[in-house]
Every structure is written in structure tokens, then in C-alpha cells.
Amino acid sequence: MSNFRKVPNRNVSSHLILMNEKRDKKRLKEIGLNIKAIRESLGLSQDAVASQCDVTKGNISMIENGKKDFTFTTFLELAKGLGKHPKKLLDKDFEFLKEE
């Protein structure tokens, strides 16, 4: 999830934590939907993508549904599984970029 977590003995407001989690969930959902759209446009199942990379079908499903934060290396593996350059997975006019 987010890098902002409730940790004892830190001076981080819980309001800031909730704001960042909300922001991050929206971003993960939008990126996940884009990855899903690319996969579907290629006519690939989650199983097919998983067989071409080091990401499980379950993790692909959670990423596509915005329910799992993931590392950059997982992102690279997804690109590999889709047979796309990583920049193609980000080649979209994301809504969250317009808000800031």
C-alpha cells in the first residue's frame, strides 16, 4: 500500500495517512484498469500473461482491480507478460495526473 502508515512514535497525522491512502487507491485503480484494457485488447487471459512473467494470476487480478500496490519490478514483469515496453503501460492520459 502507501508509504504513509500509522506507526507508533512518529509525528505523522492520521489525516495525512488517510488522504494518501485514498489518493493511492484511486491511482492504483486507474493504472490497474489501463493494464486490464491493454491485456484484453491483446486477447490475453490473466493466465496467459502470468505464464509469460513472474506474476501470479491472483496478483494480476488484484492489480487490475486496484486492490494491490505493486513494486516497479512487478510492473516490469507485467510489461514482459503483455509483450509490451513498460512505457506503453503508462501511455494514457490518466485522470490523477490532471488533478495535481
N, C-alpha and C. Protein backbone atom coordinates (compact mmCIF):
# COMPACT_ATOMS: atom_id res chain seq x y z
N MET A 1 0.82 -1.18 0.00
CA MET A 1 0.00 0.00 0.00
C MET A 1 0.87 1.25 0.00
N SER A 2 0.40 2.24 0.64
CA SER A 2 1.08 3.53 0.68
C SER A 2 2.31 3.48 1.57
N ASN A 3 3.24 4.38 1.32
CA ASN A 3 4.40 4.52 2.20
C ASN A 3 4.02 5.20 3.50
N PHE A 4 2.88 5.82 3.56
CA PHE A 4 2.43 6.52 4.75
C PHE A 4 1.54 5.59 5.56
N ARG A 5 2.06 5.14 6.67
CA ARG A 5 1.35 4.22 7.53
C ARG A 5 1.32 4.76 8.96
N LYS A 6 0.35 4.31 9.72
CA LYS A 6 0.32 4.66 11.14
C LYS A 6 1.41 3.88 11.85
N VAL A 7 2.36 4.57 12.35
CA VAL A 7 3.48 3.95 13.05
C VAL A 7 3.61 4.62 14.41
N PRO A 8 3.66 3.83 15.48
CA PRO A 8 3.81 4.44 16.81
C PRO A 8 5.09 5.27 16.88
N ASN A 9 5.03 6.32 17.69
CA ASN A 9 6.19 7.18 17.94
C ASN A 9 6.61 8.02 16.74
N ARG A 10 5.75 8.20 15.79
CA ARG A 10 6.06 9.09 14.67
C ARG A 10 5.08 10.26 14.70
N ASN A 11 5.51 11.38 14.23
CA ASN A 11 4.66 12.56 14.21
C ASN A 11 3.98 12.72 12.86
N VAL A 12 3.23 11.72 12.45
CA VAL A 12 2.50 11.74 11.20
C VAL A 12 1.02 11.77 11.54
N SER A 13 0.32 12.74 11.02
CA SER A 13 -1.10 12.83 11.36
C SER A 13 -1.89 11.74 10.66
N SER A 14 -2.91 11.21 11.35
CA SER A 14 -3.74 10.16 10.74
C SER A 14 -4.52 10.73 9.56
N HIS A 15 -4.80 12.02 9.56
CA HIS A 15 -5.48 12.65 8.42
C HIS A 15 -4.62 12.54 7.17
N LEU A 16 -3.33 12.79 7.31
CA LEU A 16 -2.40 12.68 6.19
C LEU A 16 -2.35 11.25 5.69
N ILE A 17 -2.35 10.30 6.60
CA ILE A 17 -2.31 8.89 6.23
C ILE A 17 -3.54 8.53 5.41
N LEU A 18 -4.71 8.93 5.87
CA LEU A 18 -5.94 8.62 5.14
C LEU A 18 -5.98 9.30 3.79
N MET A 19 -5.52 10.54 3.70
CA MET A 19 -5.51 11.24 2.42
C MET A 19 -4.62 10.51 1.42
N ASN A 20 -3.45 10.08 1.85
CA ASN A 20 -2.55 9.40 0.94
C ASN A 20 -3.07 8.03 0.54
N GLU A 21 -3.69 7.31 1.45
CA GLU A 21 -4.26 6.02 1.10
C GLU A 21 -5.38 6.20 0.09
N LYS A 22 -6.22 7.20 0.27
CA LYS A 22 -7.30 7.46 -0.67
C LYS A 22 -6.74 7.83 -2.04
N ARG A 23 -5.75 8.70 -2.05
CA ARG A 23 -5.10 9.10 -3.30
C ARG A 23 -4.48 7.90 -3.99
N ASP A 24 -3.77 7.10 -3.23
CA ASP A 24 -3.08 5.95 -3.81
C ASP A 24 -4.06 4.92 -4.36
N LYS A 25 -5.16 4.68 -3.67
CA LYS A 25 -6.16 3.72 -4.15
C LYS A 25 -6.73 4.16 -5.49
N LYS A 26 -6.99 5.44 -5.63
CA LYS A 26 -7.52 5.94 -6.90
C LYS A 26 -6.51 5.74 -8.03
N ARG A 27 -5.26 6.01 -7.75
CA ARG A 27 -4.21 5.84 -8.76
C ARG A 27 -4.03 4.37 -9.13
N LEU A 28 -4.01 3.51 -8.12
CA LEU A 28 -3.85 2.08 -8.39
C LEU A 28 -5.01 1.54 -9.21
N LYS A 29 -6.20 2.00 -8.91
CA LYS A 29 -7.40 1.57 -9.67
C LYS A 29 -7.28 1.98 -11.13
N GLU A 30 -6.88 3.22 -11.37
CA GLU A 30 -6.80 3.72 -12.74
C GLU A 30 -5.69 3.02 -13.53
N ILE A 31 -4.55 2.82 -12.91
CA ILE A 31 -3.46 2.12 -13.59
C ILE A 31 -3.85 0.66 -13.84
N GLY A 32 -4.48 0.04 -12.84
CA GLY A 32 -4.92 -1.34 -13.00
C GLY A 32 -5.91 -1.51 -14.14
N LEU A 33 -6.85 -0.58 -14.24
CA LEU A 33 -7.83 -0.65 -15.34
C LEU A 33 -7.15 -0.49 -16.69
N ASN A 34 -6.11 0.34 -16.75
CA ASN A 34 -5.39 0.51 -18.00
C ASN A 34 -4.65 -0.78 -18.37
N ILE A 35 -4.03 -1.41 -17.40
CA ILE A 35 -3.33 -2.67 -17.65
C ILE A 35 -4.33 -3.73 -18.12
N LYS A 36 -5.49 -3.76 -17.50
CA LYS A 36 -6.53 -4.72 -17.90
C LYS A 36 -7.00 -4.44 -19.33
N ALA A 37 -7.20 -3.18 -19.67
CA ALA A 37 -7.64 -2.82 -21.02
C ALA A 37 -6.61 -3.25 -22.06
N ILE A 38 -5.34 -3.06 -21.75
CA ILE A 38 -4.28 -3.48 -22.67
C ILE A 38 -4.31 -5.01 -22.83
N ARG A 39 -4.40 -5.72 -21.72
CA ARG A 39 -4.45 -7.18 -21.77
C ARG A 39 -5.62 -7.67 -22.62
N GLU A 40 -6.80 -7.10 -22.37
CA GLU A 40 -7.98 -7.51 -23.11
C GLU A 40 -7.89 -7.15 -24.58
N SER A 41 -7.29 -6.00 -24.89
CA SER A 41 -7.14 -5.60 -26.30
C SER A 41 -6.21 -6.54 -27.06
N LEU A 42 -5.32 -7.21 -26.32
CA LEU A 42 -4.41 -8.19 -26.91
C LEU A 42 -5.04 -9.58 -26.97
N GLY A 43 -6.23 -9.72 -26.41
CA GLY A 43 -6.92 -11.00 -26.39
C GLY A 43 -6.27 -12.02 -25.46
N LEU A 44 -5.61 -11.51 -24.41
CA LEU A 44 -4.91 -12.38 -23.48
C LEU A 44 -5.70 -12.57 -22.19
N SER A 45 -5.65 -13.77 -21.67
CA SER A 45 -6.24 -14.03 -20.35
C SER A 45 -5.19 -13.71 -19.29
N GLN A 46 -5.64 -13.61 -18.07
CA GLN A 46 -4.70 -13.41 -16.96
C GLN A 46 -3.75 -14.60 -16.86
N ASP A 47 -4.26 -15.80 -17.13
CA ASP A 47 -3.41 -16.99 -17.12
C ASP A 47 -2.30 -16.88 -18.16
N ALA A 48 -2.65 -16.40 -19.34
CA ALA A 48 -1.66 -16.27 -20.42
C ALA A 48 -0.57 -15.28 -20.04
N VAL A 49 -0.96 -14.17 -19.45
CA VAL A 49 0.04 -13.17 -19.03
C VAL A 49 0.91 -13.76 -17.92
N ALA A 50 0.29 -14.41 -16.95
CA ALA A 50 1.05 -14.99 -15.84
C ALA A 50 2.06 -16.02 -16.33
N SER A 51 1.71 -16.75 -17.38
CA SER A 51 2.62 -17.78 -17.89
C SER A 51 3.85 -17.19 -18.57
N GLN A 52 3.79 -15.89 -18.90
CA GLN A 52 4.89 -15.23 -19.58
C GLN A 52 5.74 -14.35 -18.66
N CYS A 53 5.37 -14.30 -17.39
CA CYS A 53 6.10 -13.45 -16.46
C CYS A 53 6.06 -14.03 -15.05
N ASP A 54 6.74 -13.38 -14.16
CA ASP A 54 6.83 -13.84 -12.78
C ASP A 54 5.81 -13.11 -11.89
N VAL A 55 4.54 -13.13 -12.31
CA VAL A 55 3.45 -12.56 -11.54
C VAL A 55 2.30 -13.57 -11.60
N THR A 56 1.73 -13.90 -10.47
CA THR A 56 0.65 -14.89 -10.45
C THR A 56 -0.64 -14.30 -11.01
N LYS A 57 -1.53 -15.19 -11.44
CA LYS A 57 -2.84 -14.77 -11.93
C LYS A 57 -3.59 -14.00 -10.84
N GLY A 58 -3.50 -14.48 -9.61
CA GLY A 58 -4.17 -13.79 -8.50
C GLY A 58 -3.66 -12.38 -8.31
N ASN A 59 -2.35 -12.19 -8.40
CA ASN A 59 -1.79 -10.84 -8.27
C ASN A 59 -2.16 -9.97 -9.45
N ILE A 60 -2.20 -10.54 -10.64
CA ILE A 60 -2.63 -9.77 -11.82
C ILE A 60 -4.06 -9.28 -11.61
N SER A 61 -4.93 -10.16 -11.13
CA SER A 61 -6.32 -9.79 -10.88
C SER A 61 -6.41 -8.66 -9.86
N MET A 62 -5.67 -8.78 -8.76
CA MET A 62 -5.71 -7.74 -7.73
C MET A 62 -5.15 -6.42 -8.25
N ILE A 63 -4.10 -6.46 -9.06
CA ILE A 63 -3.53 -5.24 -9.64
C ILE A 63 -4.53 -4.60 -10.59
N GLU A 64 -5.13 -5.40 -11.47
CA GLU A 64 -6.09 -4.86 -12.43
C GLU A 64 -7.30 -4.24 -11.75
N ASN A 65 -7.65 -4.73 -10.58
CA ASN A 65 -8.80 -4.21 -9.84
C ASN A 65 -8.42 -3.13 -8.83
N GLY A 66 -7.16 -2.71 -8.86
CA GLY A 66 -6.70 -1.63 -7.98
C GLY A 66 -6.65 -2.02 -6.52
N LYS A 67 -6.55 -3.30 -6.23
CA LYS A 67 -6.58 -3.76 -4.84
C LYS A 67 -5.20 -4.15 -4.33
N LYS A 68 -4.17 -3.96 -5.14
CA LYS A 68 -2.83 -4.34 -4.71
C LYS A 68 -1.84 -3.30 -5.20
N ASP A 69 -1.09 -2.76 -4.26
CA ASP A 69 0.04 -1.93 -4.61
C ASP A 69 1.13 -2.88 -5.10
N PHE A 70 1.98 -2.42 -5.97
CA PHE A 70 2.99 -3.32 -6.50
C PHE A 70 4.29 -2.57 -6.74
N THR A 71 5.36 -3.33 -6.81
CA THR A 71 6.69 -2.75 -6.97
C THR A 71 6.96 -2.45 -8.44
N PHE A 72 8.00 -1.69 -8.64
CA PHE A 72 8.41 -1.36 -10.01
C PHE A 72 8.83 -2.63 -10.76
N THR A 73 9.48 -3.55 -10.07
CA THR A 73 9.90 -4.79 -10.73
C THR A 73 8.69 -5.62 -11.14
N THR A 74 7.63 -5.60 -10.36
CA THR A 74 6.39 -6.29 -10.76
C THR A 74 5.80 -5.61 -11.98
N PHE A 75 5.84 -4.30 -12.02
CA PHE A 75 5.37 -3.55 -13.18
C PHE A 75 6.14 -3.98 -14.44
N LEU A 76 7.45 -4.12 -14.30
CA LEU A 76 8.28 -4.56 -15.43
C LEU A 76 7.91 -5.98 -15.86
N GLU A 77 7.63 -6.84 -14.88
CA GLU A 77 7.21 -8.20 -15.21
C GLU A 77 5.87 -8.21 -15.95
N LEU A 78 4.94 -7.36 -15.53
CA LEU A 78 3.65 -7.27 -16.22
C LEU A 78 3.85 -6.84 -17.67
N ALA A 79 4.72 -5.87 -17.89
CA ALA A 79 5.01 -5.43 -19.26
C ALA A 79 5.57 -6.59 -20.07
N LYS A 80 6.47 -7.34 -19.47
CA LYS A 80 7.04 -8.51 -20.13
C LYS A 80 5.95 -9.52 -20.48
N GLY A 81 5.07 -9.80 -19.52
CA GLY A 81 3.99 -10.76 -19.74
C GLY A 81 3.02 -10.33 -20.83
N LEU A 82 2.86 -9.03 -20.97
CA LEU A 82 1.99 -8.48 -22.01
C LEU A 82 2.71 -8.33 -23.35
N GLY A 83 4.03 -8.48 -23.33
CA GLY A 83 4.81 -8.30 -24.55
C GLY A 83 4.88 -6.85 -24.98
N LYS A 84 4.84 -5.95 -24.02
CA LYS A 84 4.86 -4.51 -24.30
C LYS A 84 6.03 -3.84 -23.59
N HIS A 85 6.52 -2.76 -24.17
CA HIS A 85 7.52 -1.95 -23.48
C HIS A 85 6.81 -1.31 -22.28
N PRO A 86 7.48 -1.22 -21.12
CA PRO A 86 6.82 -0.64 -19.94
C PRO A 86 6.19 0.73 -20.18
N LYS A 87 6.79 1.55 -21.03
CA LYS A 87 6.21 2.88 -21.26
C LYS A 87 4.83 2.79 -21.92
N LYS A 88 4.55 1.71 -22.63
CA LYS A 88 3.23 1.55 -23.26
C LYS A 88 2.14 1.35 -22.21
N LEU A 89 2.50 0.81 -21.06
CA LEU A 89 1.52 0.62 -19.99
C LEU A 89 1.16 1.93 -19.31
N LEU A 90 1.98 2.94 -19.54
CA LEU A 90 1.73 4.26 -18.95
C LEU A 90 1.33 5.30 -20.01
N ASP A 91 1.17 4.86 -21.24
CA ASP A 91 0.85 5.76 -22.34
C ASP A 91 -0.66 6.03 -22.37
N LYS A 92 -1.10 6.81 -21.42
CA LYS A 92 -2.52 7.14 -21.25
C LYS A 92 -2.62 8.49 -20.56
N ASP A 93 -3.66 9.19 -20.83
CA ASP A 93 -3.91 10.47 -20.16
C ASP A 93 -4.66 10.20 -18.86
N PHE A 94 -3.91 9.79 -17.84
CA PHE A 94 -4.51 9.42 -16.57
C PHE A 94 -5.17 10.61 -15.90
N GLU A 95 -6.34 10.38 -15.31
CA GLU A 95 -7.08 11.42 -14.61
C GLU A 95 -6.30 11.97 -13.42
N PHE A 96 -5.61 11.08 -12.70
CA PHE A 96 -4.92 11.54 -11.50
C PHE A 96 -3.81 12.51 -11.82
N LEU A 97 -3.31 12.52 -13.05
CA LEU A 97 -2.29 13.47 -13.44
C LEU A 97 -2.88 14.88 -13.66
N LYS A 98 -4.14 14.93 -13.98
CA LYS A 98 -4.81 16.20 -14.23
C LYS A 98 -5.16 16.93 -12.94
N GLU A 99 -5.23 16.19 -11.83
CA GLU A 99 -5.68 16.76 -10.56
C GLU A 99 -4.59 17.55 -9.84
N GLU A 100 -3.36 17.29 -10.17
CA GLU A 100 -2.27 17.90 -9.39
C GLU A 100 -1.69 19.10 -10.06
